[in-house]
N, C-alpha and C. Protein backbone atom coordinates (compact mmCIF):
# COMPACT_ATOMS: atom_id res chain seq x y z
N MET A 1 -1.24 31.83 11.62
CA MET A 1 -1.86 30.54 11.40
C MET A 1 -0.77 29.52 11.10
N PRO A 2 -0.76 28.37 11.79
CA PRO A 2 0.30 27.39 11.56
C PRO A 2 0.17 26.74 10.18
N ASP A 3 1.31 26.30 9.66
CA ASP A 3 1.31 25.62 8.38
C ASP A 3 0.56 24.29 8.50
N ALA A 4 -0.08 23.91 7.41
CA ALA A 4 -0.74 22.60 7.38
C ALA A 4 0.34 21.52 7.44
N PRO A 5 0.02 20.38 8.03
CA PRO A 5 1.03 19.32 8.10
C PRO A 5 1.35 18.77 6.71
N TRP A 6 2.54 18.24 6.60
CA TRP A 6 2.98 17.54 5.39
C TRP A 6 2.10 16.31 5.28
N THR A 7 1.54 16.03 4.12
CA THR A 7 0.67 14.87 3.96
C THR A 7 1.37 13.78 3.17
N VAL A 8 1.45 12.61 3.77
CA VAL A 8 2.05 11.44 3.14
C VAL A 8 0.94 10.40 2.98
N VAL A 9 0.75 9.95 1.75
CA VAL A 9 -0.21 8.88 1.48
C VAL A 9 0.54 7.57 1.54
N VAL A 10 0.02 6.63 2.30
CA VAL A 10 0.61 5.30 2.41
C VAL A 10 -0.34 4.32 1.74
N LEU A 11 0.09 3.80 0.60
CA LEU A 11 -0.70 2.81 -0.14
C LEU A 11 -0.13 1.44 0.20
N THR A 12 -0.96 0.56 0.74
CA THR A 12 -0.48 -0.75 1.15
C THR A 12 -1.46 -1.83 0.75
N GLU A 13 -0.92 -3.01 0.47
CA GLU A 13 -1.78 -4.12 0.09
C GLU A 13 -2.14 -5.01 1.27
N ASP A 14 -1.63 -4.69 2.44
CA ASP A 14 -1.91 -5.46 3.65
C ASP A 14 -1.78 -4.50 4.83
N ALA A 15 -2.19 -4.95 6.00
CA ALA A 15 -2.02 -4.11 7.19
C ALA A 15 -0.54 -3.84 7.40
N LEU A 16 -0.23 -2.62 7.78
CA LEU A 16 1.15 -2.26 8.09
C LEU A 16 1.61 -3.02 9.32
N THR A 17 2.89 -3.31 9.37
CA THR A 17 3.49 -3.92 10.56
C THR A 17 4.16 -2.82 11.36
N SER A 18 4.59 -3.15 12.57
CA SER A 18 5.30 -2.15 13.36
C SER A 18 6.61 -1.75 12.68
N ALA A 19 7.25 -2.69 11.99
CA ALA A 19 8.48 -2.35 11.24
C ALA A 19 8.16 -1.37 10.11
N ASP A 20 7.04 -1.58 9.42
CA ASP A 20 6.65 -0.66 8.35
C ASP A 20 6.42 0.74 8.91
N VAL A 21 5.70 0.81 10.02
CA VAL A 21 5.40 2.11 10.64
C VAL A 21 6.70 2.80 11.07
N GLU A 22 7.62 2.05 11.62
CA GLU A 22 8.91 2.63 12.04
C GLU A 22 9.65 3.20 10.83
N HIS A 23 9.69 2.45 9.73
CA HIS A 23 10.38 2.94 8.53
C HIS A 23 9.69 4.16 7.94
N ILE A 24 8.37 4.13 7.88
CA ILE A 24 7.62 5.23 7.28
C ILE A 24 7.76 6.50 8.12
N THR A 25 7.58 6.38 9.42
CA THR A 25 7.65 7.58 10.27
C THR A 25 9.07 8.11 10.40
N SER A 26 10.07 7.27 10.15
CA SER A 26 11.45 7.75 10.24
C SER A 26 11.85 8.61 9.05
N LEU A 27 11.00 8.64 8.02
CA LEU A 27 11.30 9.47 6.85
C LEU A 27 11.21 10.97 7.16
N HIS A 28 10.36 11.32 8.11
CA HIS A 28 10.16 12.74 8.49
C HIS A 28 10.08 12.83 10.02
N PRO A 29 11.18 12.54 10.72
CA PRO A 29 11.11 12.45 12.18
C PRO A 29 10.82 13.76 12.90
N ASP A 30 11.22 14.87 12.33
CA ASP A 30 11.08 16.15 13.03
C ASP A 30 10.07 17.08 12.37
N GLU A 31 9.17 16.50 11.55
CA GLU A 31 8.18 17.32 10.85
C GLU A 31 6.77 16.95 11.29
N ASP A 32 5.88 17.89 11.13
CA ASP A 32 4.47 17.66 11.39
C ASP A 32 3.89 16.96 10.16
N VAL A 33 3.64 15.66 10.27
CA VAL A 33 3.18 14.87 9.13
C VAL A 33 1.84 14.23 9.46
N ALA A 34 0.93 14.29 8.48
CA ALA A 34 -0.34 13.59 8.57
C ALA A 34 -0.30 12.45 7.56
N TYR A 35 -0.62 11.25 8.00
CA TYR A 35 -0.58 10.07 7.14
C TYR A 35 -1.99 9.68 6.73
N ARG A 36 -2.12 9.33 5.47
CA ARG A 36 -3.41 8.87 4.94
C ARG A 36 -3.18 7.48 4.35
N VAL A 37 -3.75 6.46 4.97
CA VAL A 37 -3.55 5.08 4.55
C VAL A 37 -4.64 4.68 3.55
N LEU A 38 -4.21 4.12 2.42
CA LEU A 38 -5.13 3.60 1.42
C LEU A 38 -4.87 2.11 1.25
N VAL A 39 -5.94 1.31 1.31
CA VAL A 39 -5.84 -0.13 1.08
C VAL A 39 -6.88 -0.50 0.03
N PRO A 40 -6.45 -0.97 -1.12
CA PRO A 40 -7.41 -1.39 -2.15
C PRO A 40 -8.10 -2.69 -1.76
N ALA A 41 -9.39 -2.77 -2.09
CA ALA A 41 -10.13 -4.02 -1.94
C ALA A 41 -9.77 -4.88 -3.15
N ASP A 42 -9.08 -5.96 -2.92
CA ASP A 42 -8.56 -6.80 -4.01
C ASP A 42 -9.68 -7.67 -4.58
N THR A 43 -10.46 -7.11 -5.50
CA THR A 43 -11.57 -7.85 -6.09
C THR A 43 -11.27 -8.32 -7.51
N GLU A 44 -10.25 -7.76 -8.13
CA GLU A 44 -9.87 -8.18 -9.48
C GLU A 44 -8.46 -8.75 -9.42
N HIS A 45 -8.40 -10.02 -9.15
CA HIS A 45 -7.14 -10.71 -8.90
C HIS A 45 -6.52 -11.17 -10.23
N ASN A 46 -5.27 -10.79 -10.51
CA ASN A 46 -4.57 -11.25 -11.70
C ASN A 46 -3.94 -12.60 -11.36
N VAL A 47 -4.62 -13.67 -11.80
CA VAL A 47 -4.22 -15.02 -11.42
C VAL A 47 -2.83 -15.37 -11.93
N VAL A 48 -2.54 -15.08 -13.19
CA VAL A 48 -1.24 -15.45 -13.76
C VAL A 48 -0.10 -14.77 -13.01
N ALA A 49 -0.21 -13.47 -12.81
CA ALA A 49 0.85 -12.74 -12.10
C ALA A 49 0.98 -13.25 -10.67
N SER A 50 -0.14 -13.51 -10.04
CA SER A 50 -0.11 -13.99 -8.65
C SER A 50 0.55 -15.37 -8.55
N VAL A 51 0.19 -16.27 -9.46
CA VAL A 51 0.80 -17.60 -9.44
C VAL A 51 2.31 -17.50 -9.64
N LEU A 52 2.75 -16.68 -10.59
CA LEU A 52 4.18 -16.51 -10.83
C LEU A 52 4.88 -15.91 -9.61
N ASP A 53 4.22 -14.94 -8.96
CA ASP A 53 4.79 -14.36 -7.74
C ASP A 53 4.98 -15.42 -6.67
N HIS A 54 3.94 -16.22 -6.45
CA HIS A 54 4.01 -17.27 -5.42
C HIS A 54 5.07 -18.32 -5.76
N LEU A 55 5.12 -18.71 -7.02
CA LEU A 55 6.13 -19.70 -7.41
C LEU A 55 7.54 -19.14 -7.23
N GLY A 56 7.73 -17.87 -7.56
CA GLY A 56 9.03 -17.22 -7.39
C GLY A 56 9.47 -17.17 -5.93
N MET A 57 8.50 -17.13 -5.03
CA MET A 57 8.81 -17.09 -3.59
C MET A 57 8.71 -18.49 -2.96
N LEU A 58 8.55 -19.52 -3.82
CA LEU A 58 8.41 -20.91 -3.39
C LEU A 58 7.20 -21.12 -2.48
N GLU A 59 6.15 -20.35 -2.72
CA GLU A 59 4.90 -20.48 -1.96
C GLU A 59 3.95 -21.34 -2.78
N LEU A 60 4.21 -22.64 -2.77
CA LEU A 60 3.47 -23.56 -3.64
C LEU A 60 1.99 -23.65 -3.28
N ARG A 61 1.67 -23.67 -2.01
CA ARG A 61 0.27 -23.76 -1.58
C ARG A 61 -0.52 -22.53 -2.03
N ALA A 62 0.05 -21.36 -1.88
CA ALA A 62 -0.62 -20.14 -2.29
C ALA A 62 -0.80 -20.11 -3.81
N ALA A 63 0.19 -20.60 -4.56
CA ALA A 63 0.08 -20.67 -6.02
C ALA A 63 -1.05 -21.61 -6.40
N TRP A 64 -1.14 -22.75 -5.74
CA TRP A 64 -2.21 -23.71 -6.00
C TRP A 64 -3.58 -23.10 -5.70
N ASP A 65 -3.69 -22.40 -4.56
CA ASP A 65 -4.96 -21.77 -4.20
C ASP A 65 -5.38 -20.74 -5.25
N ASP A 66 -4.40 -19.99 -5.78
CA ASP A 66 -4.72 -19.02 -6.83
C ASP A 66 -5.24 -19.72 -8.08
N LEU A 67 -4.59 -20.83 -8.44
CA LEU A 67 -5.02 -21.58 -9.62
C LEU A 67 -6.44 -22.12 -9.46
N LEU A 68 -6.79 -22.49 -8.24
CA LEU A 68 -8.13 -23.03 -7.98
C LEU A 68 -9.18 -21.94 -7.79
N GLY A 69 -8.74 -20.70 -7.82
CA GLY A 69 -9.69 -19.59 -7.70
C GLY A 69 -10.18 -19.34 -6.30
N ARG A 70 -9.39 -19.67 -5.33
CA ARG A 70 -9.77 -19.44 -3.93
C ARG A 70 -9.45 -18.01 -3.54
N GLU A 71 -10.23 -17.12 -4.03
CA GLU A 71 -10.03 -15.71 -3.71
C GLU A 71 -11.33 -15.16 -3.14
N PRO A 72 -11.24 -14.10 -2.38
CA PRO A 72 -12.44 -13.57 -1.73
C PRO A 72 -13.39 -12.92 -2.74
N ASN A 73 -14.68 -12.96 -2.38
CA ASN A 73 -15.64 -12.23 -3.21
C ASN A 73 -15.51 -10.74 -2.89
N PRO A 74 -16.13 -9.86 -3.69
CA PRO A 74 -15.95 -8.41 -3.46
C PRO A 74 -16.31 -7.95 -2.04
N GLU A 75 -17.34 -8.52 -1.46
CA GLU A 75 -17.72 -8.12 -0.10
C GLU A 75 -16.64 -8.52 0.91
N GLN A 76 -16.12 -9.74 0.77
CA GLN A 76 -15.05 -10.20 1.67
C GLN A 76 -13.79 -9.35 1.48
N ALA A 77 -13.48 -9.04 0.22
CA ALA A 77 -12.28 -8.24 -0.06
C ALA A 77 -12.39 -6.85 0.57
N THR A 78 -13.56 -6.25 0.49
CA THR A 78 -13.77 -4.92 1.08
C THR A 78 -13.68 -4.98 2.60
N THR A 79 -14.27 -6.01 3.19
CA THR A 79 -14.21 -6.17 4.65
C THR A 79 -12.77 -6.36 5.11
N THR A 80 -12.02 -7.19 4.41
CA THR A 80 -10.62 -7.43 4.76
C THR A 80 -9.81 -6.14 4.64
N ALA A 81 -10.02 -5.40 3.55
CA ALA A 81 -9.30 -4.14 3.35
C ALA A 81 -9.64 -3.14 4.46
N ALA A 82 -10.90 -3.09 4.87
CA ALA A 82 -11.30 -2.17 5.94
C ALA A 82 -10.61 -2.53 7.25
N GLU A 83 -10.49 -3.83 7.53
CA GLU A 83 -9.78 -4.27 8.73
C GLU A 83 -8.30 -3.88 8.66
N GLN A 84 -7.71 -4.00 7.49
CA GLN A 84 -6.30 -3.64 7.31
C GLN A 84 -6.10 -2.14 7.48
N VAL A 85 -7.05 -1.34 7.04
CA VAL A 85 -6.98 0.11 7.23
C VAL A 85 -6.98 0.44 8.72
N VAL A 86 -7.94 -0.13 9.45
CA VAL A 86 -8.07 0.14 10.88
C VAL A 86 -6.79 -0.25 11.62
N GLU A 87 -6.27 -1.44 11.33
CA GLU A 87 -5.05 -1.91 11.99
C GLU A 87 -3.87 -0.99 11.69
N SER A 88 -3.74 -0.57 10.43
CA SER A 88 -2.63 0.30 10.03
C SER A 88 -2.73 1.67 10.68
N VAL A 89 -3.92 2.25 10.68
CA VAL A 89 -4.12 3.57 11.28
C VAL A 89 -3.85 3.51 12.79
N GLU A 90 -4.30 2.45 13.44
CA GLU A 90 -4.05 2.31 14.88
C GLU A 90 -2.55 2.23 15.18
N LEU A 91 -1.80 1.50 14.35
CA LEU A 91 -0.34 1.40 14.56
C LEU A 91 0.33 2.75 14.36
N LEU A 92 -0.08 3.48 13.35
CA LEU A 92 0.49 4.81 13.11
C LEU A 92 0.18 5.74 14.28
N ARG A 93 -1.06 5.75 14.73
CA ARG A 93 -1.44 6.60 15.85
C ARG A 93 -0.69 6.21 17.13
N ALA A 94 -0.48 4.91 17.32
CA ALA A 94 0.28 4.45 18.48
C ALA A 94 1.72 4.95 18.43
N ALA A 95 2.21 5.22 17.23
CA ALA A 95 3.56 5.78 17.06
C ALA A 95 3.58 7.29 17.29
N GLY A 96 2.41 7.85 17.58
CA GLY A 96 2.34 9.27 17.92
C GLY A 96 2.14 10.21 16.75
N VAL A 97 1.65 9.69 15.63
CA VAL A 97 1.42 10.55 14.47
C VAL A 97 -0.06 10.61 14.12
N THR A 98 -0.41 11.61 13.36
CA THR A 98 -1.78 11.77 12.89
C THR A 98 -2.00 10.84 11.71
N ALA A 99 -3.10 10.09 11.74
CA ALA A 99 -3.36 9.15 10.65
C ALA A 99 -4.86 8.95 10.46
N GLN A 100 -5.22 8.74 9.22
CA GLN A 100 -6.58 8.35 8.85
C GLN A 100 -6.44 7.36 7.70
N GLY A 101 -7.53 6.72 7.32
CA GLY A 101 -7.42 5.75 6.25
C GLY A 101 -8.74 5.45 5.59
N GLU A 102 -8.64 4.77 4.46
CA GLU A 102 -9.84 4.39 3.72
C GLU A 102 -9.53 3.25 2.76
N VAL A 103 -10.58 2.57 2.36
CA VAL A 103 -10.50 1.50 1.37
C VAL A 103 -10.70 2.14 0.00
N THR A 104 -9.91 1.68 -0.98
CA THR A 104 -10.06 2.18 -2.35
C THR A 104 -10.52 1.05 -3.25
N GLN A 105 -10.76 1.40 -4.49
CA GLN A 105 -11.09 0.39 -5.49
C GLN A 105 -9.84 -0.43 -5.78
N ASP A 106 -10.01 -1.50 -6.57
CA ASP A 106 -8.88 -2.34 -6.96
C ASP A 106 -7.72 -1.53 -7.50
N ASP A 107 -8.01 -0.62 -8.40
CA ASP A 107 -6.97 0.24 -8.96
C ASP A 107 -6.87 1.47 -8.08
N PRO A 108 -5.80 1.59 -7.31
CA PRO A 108 -5.69 2.72 -6.38
C PRO A 108 -5.24 4.03 -7.03
N LEU A 109 -4.89 4.00 -8.32
CA LEU A 109 -4.39 5.22 -8.95
C LEU A 109 -5.36 6.40 -8.90
N PRO A 110 -6.67 6.20 -9.14
CA PRO A 110 -7.58 7.35 -9.00
C PRO A 110 -7.58 7.94 -7.59
N ALA A 111 -7.50 7.09 -6.58
CA ALA A 111 -7.45 7.60 -5.20
C ALA A 111 -6.14 8.34 -4.94
N LEU A 112 -5.04 7.86 -5.50
CA LEU A 112 -3.76 8.56 -5.36
C LEU A 112 -3.81 9.92 -6.05
N ARG A 113 -4.37 9.94 -7.27
CA ARG A 113 -4.51 11.20 -8.00
C ARG A 113 -5.31 12.22 -7.19
N ALA A 114 -6.42 11.75 -6.62
CA ALA A 114 -7.28 12.64 -5.82
C ALA A 114 -6.54 13.14 -4.59
N ALA A 115 -5.77 12.27 -3.96
CA ALA A 115 -5.01 12.67 -2.77
C ALA A 115 -3.97 13.74 -3.11
N VAL A 116 -3.29 13.57 -4.22
CA VAL A 116 -2.30 14.56 -4.65
C VAL A 116 -3.00 15.86 -5.02
N ALA A 117 -4.14 15.77 -5.66
CA ALA A 117 -4.89 16.98 -6.04
C ALA A 117 -5.36 17.77 -4.82
N THR A 118 -5.56 17.08 -3.70
CA THR A 118 -6.00 17.76 -2.48
C THR A 118 -4.86 18.04 -1.51
N GLY A 119 -3.60 17.91 -1.97
CA GLY A 119 -2.49 18.38 -1.16
C GLY A 119 -1.48 17.36 -0.68
N ALA A 120 -1.63 16.09 -1.01
CA ALA A 120 -0.62 15.12 -0.58
C ALA A 120 0.71 15.44 -1.27
N GLN A 121 1.79 15.44 -0.49
CA GLN A 121 3.10 15.81 -1.04
C GLN A 121 4.01 14.62 -1.31
N GLU A 122 3.62 13.44 -0.84
CA GLU A 122 4.51 12.29 -0.96
C GLU A 122 3.67 11.01 -0.87
N ILE A 123 4.16 9.95 -1.54
CA ILE A 123 3.48 8.65 -1.51
C ILE A 123 4.48 7.59 -1.09
N VAL A 124 4.06 6.74 -0.17
CA VAL A 124 4.85 5.58 0.22
C VAL A 124 4.00 4.35 -0.12
N VAL A 125 4.55 3.48 -0.95
CA VAL A 125 3.85 2.26 -1.35
C VAL A 125 4.50 1.10 -0.61
N VAL A 126 3.68 0.31 0.08
CA VAL A 126 4.17 -0.83 0.85
C VAL A 126 3.51 -2.09 0.29
N THR A 127 4.33 -2.95 -0.33
CA THR A 127 3.80 -4.20 -0.90
C THR A 127 4.75 -5.34 -0.60
N TYR A 128 4.28 -6.53 -0.88
CA TYR A 128 5.16 -7.69 -0.89
C TYR A 128 5.86 -7.68 -2.24
N PRO A 129 6.97 -8.38 -2.38
CA PRO A 129 7.60 -8.45 -3.70
C PRO A 129 6.66 -9.13 -4.71
N HIS A 130 6.60 -8.56 -5.89
CA HIS A 130 5.79 -9.13 -6.98
C HIS A 130 6.71 -9.24 -8.20
N ALA A 131 7.16 -10.44 -8.47
CA ALA A 131 8.16 -10.66 -9.52
C ALA A 131 7.76 -10.06 -10.86
N VAL A 132 6.56 -10.33 -11.31
CA VAL A 132 6.14 -9.87 -12.64
C VAL A 132 5.97 -8.35 -12.66
N GLU A 133 5.17 -7.81 -11.73
CA GLU A 133 4.89 -6.38 -11.73
C GLU A 133 6.15 -5.55 -11.48
N ASP A 134 6.97 -5.98 -10.52
CA ASP A 134 8.19 -5.23 -10.20
C ASP A 134 9.17 -5.24 -11.37
N THR A 135 9.31 -6.39 -12.02
CA THR A 135 10.25 -6.52 -13.14
C THR A 135 9.83 -5.66 -14.32
N PHE A 136 8.54 -5.67 -14.63
CA PHE A 136 8.06 -4.93 -15.80
C PHE A 136 7.52 -3.54 -15.47
N HIS A 137 7.74 -3.10 -14.24
CA HIS A 137 7.36 -1.76 -13.79
C HIS A 137 5.86 -1.48 -14.00
N THR A 138 5.05 -2.48 -13.69
CA THR A 138 3.60 -2.29 -13.74
C THR A 138 3.01 -2.29 -12.34
N ASP A 139 3.89 -2.22 -11.33
CA ASP A 139 3.45 -2.18 -9.94
C ASP A 139 2.89 -0.80 -9.61
N TRP A 140 2.22 -0.70 -8.46
CA TRP A 140 1.60 0.56 -8.06
C TRP A 140 2.59 1.71 -7.98
N ALA A 141 3.76 1.45 -7.41
CA ALA A 141 4.75 2.52 -7.25
C ALA A 141 5.21 3.04 -8.61
N SER A 142 5.47 2.15 -9.53
CA SER A 142 5.92 2.57 -10.86
C SER A 142 4.84 3.37 -11.57
N LYS A 143 3.60 2.92 -11.47
CA LYS A 143 2.49 3.65 -12.09
C LYS A 143 2.34 5.04 -11.47
N ALA A 144 2.48 5.12 -10.15
CA ALA A 144 2.37 6.42 -9.48
C ALA A 144 3.50 7.35 -9.90
N ARG A 145 4.72 6.81 -9.98
CA ARG A 145 5.86 7.63 -10.42
C ARG A 145 5.65 8.17 -11.83
N ASP A 146 5.07 7.33 -12.70
CA ASP A 146 4.87 7.72 -14.09
C ASP A 146 3.79 8.78 -14.27
N THR A 147 2.81 8.83 -13.37
CA THR A 147 1.67 9.72 -13.60
C THR A 147 1.54 10.88 -12.62
N LEU A 148 2.14 10.77 -11.45
CA LEU A 148 1.97 11.82 -10.43
C LEU A 148 3.27 12.59 -10.26
N GLN A 149 3.16 13.82 -9.91
CA GLN A 149 4.34 14.68 -9.80
C GLN A 149 4.76 14.89 -8.34
N VAL A 150 4.83 13.77 -7.60
CA VAL A 150 5.28 13.81 -6.21
C VAL A 150 6.25 12.66 -6.00
N PRO A 151 7.10 12.75 -4.98
CA PRO A 151 8.01 11.64 -4.69
C PRO A 151 7.23 10.38 -4.31
N VAL A 152 7.70 9.23 -4.81
CA VAL A 152 7.09 7.94 -4.51
C VAL A 152 8.19 6.99 -4.03
N LEU A 153 8.00 6.44 -2.84
CA LEU A 153 8.93 5.47 -2.27
C LEU A 153 8.23 4.13 -2.22
N HIS A 154 8.90 3.07 -2.66
CA HIS A 154 8.33 1.72 -2.63
C HIS A 154 9.11 0.88 -1.63
N LEU A 155 8.44 0.45 -0.56
CA LEU A 155 9.03 -0.41 0.46
C LEU A 155 8.40 -1.79 0.39
N TYR A 156 9.20 -2.82 0.64
CA TYR A 156 8.64 -4.17 0.75
C TYR A 156 8.17 -4.37 2.19
N ALA A 157 6.96 -4.89 2.32
CA ALA A 157 6.30 -5.04 3.62
C ALA A 157 7.17 -5.79 4.62
N GLY A 158 7.22 -5.24 5.84
CA GLY A 158 7.92 -5.87 6.93
C GLY A 158 9.43 -5.79 6.88
N THR A 159 9.98 -5.10 5.86
CA THR A 159 11.43 -5.01 5.72
C THR A 159 11.83 -3.56 5.50
N SER A 160 13.12 -3.34 5.42
CA SER A 160 13.61 -2.00 5.05
C SER A 160 14.06 -1.99 3.60
N GLU A 161 13.73 -3.06 2.86
CA GLU A 161 14.14 -3.16 1.44
C GLU A 161 13.28 -2.26 0.57
N LEU A 162 13.93 -1.63 -0.39
CA LEU A 162 13.23 -0.78 -1.33
C LEU A 162 12.81 -1.60 -2.55
N GLY A 163 11.62 -1.28 -3.05
CA GLY A 163 11.11 -1.97 -4.25
C GLY A 163 11.49 -1.25 -5.51
């Protein structure tokens, strides 16, 4: 009986790009890997952290929109996350790998815990830079490293930069 494929969970806050897929799949080029994409529905938006992130990146319009509360309602957030899952899974499959995906709650840690409990061996977190969370190690990757006993890699979306 053949060995089960290596399972890598990809936690992302947006649809993966082709550059993200290239970086992720290059981590295990000669292994049988199954990817499981998780995208949280962003329904509990931390306005202060988000405004600081946008200001740090000189995204003044986005910071203003956050201050005005222009964020999606839970139904819109879930729909957007589902679209991001489909797009990400399609890109991974187009790269010739096995992939599936799902939408998680705002806090993806329970879904990560469940994935590790059912055999995931590695986690790749793909986010945009978040000045506050990254600096104080309250980002998803840091939380996963602190609580799960598997390797966690943090990549910044669309780049080869490590978080």
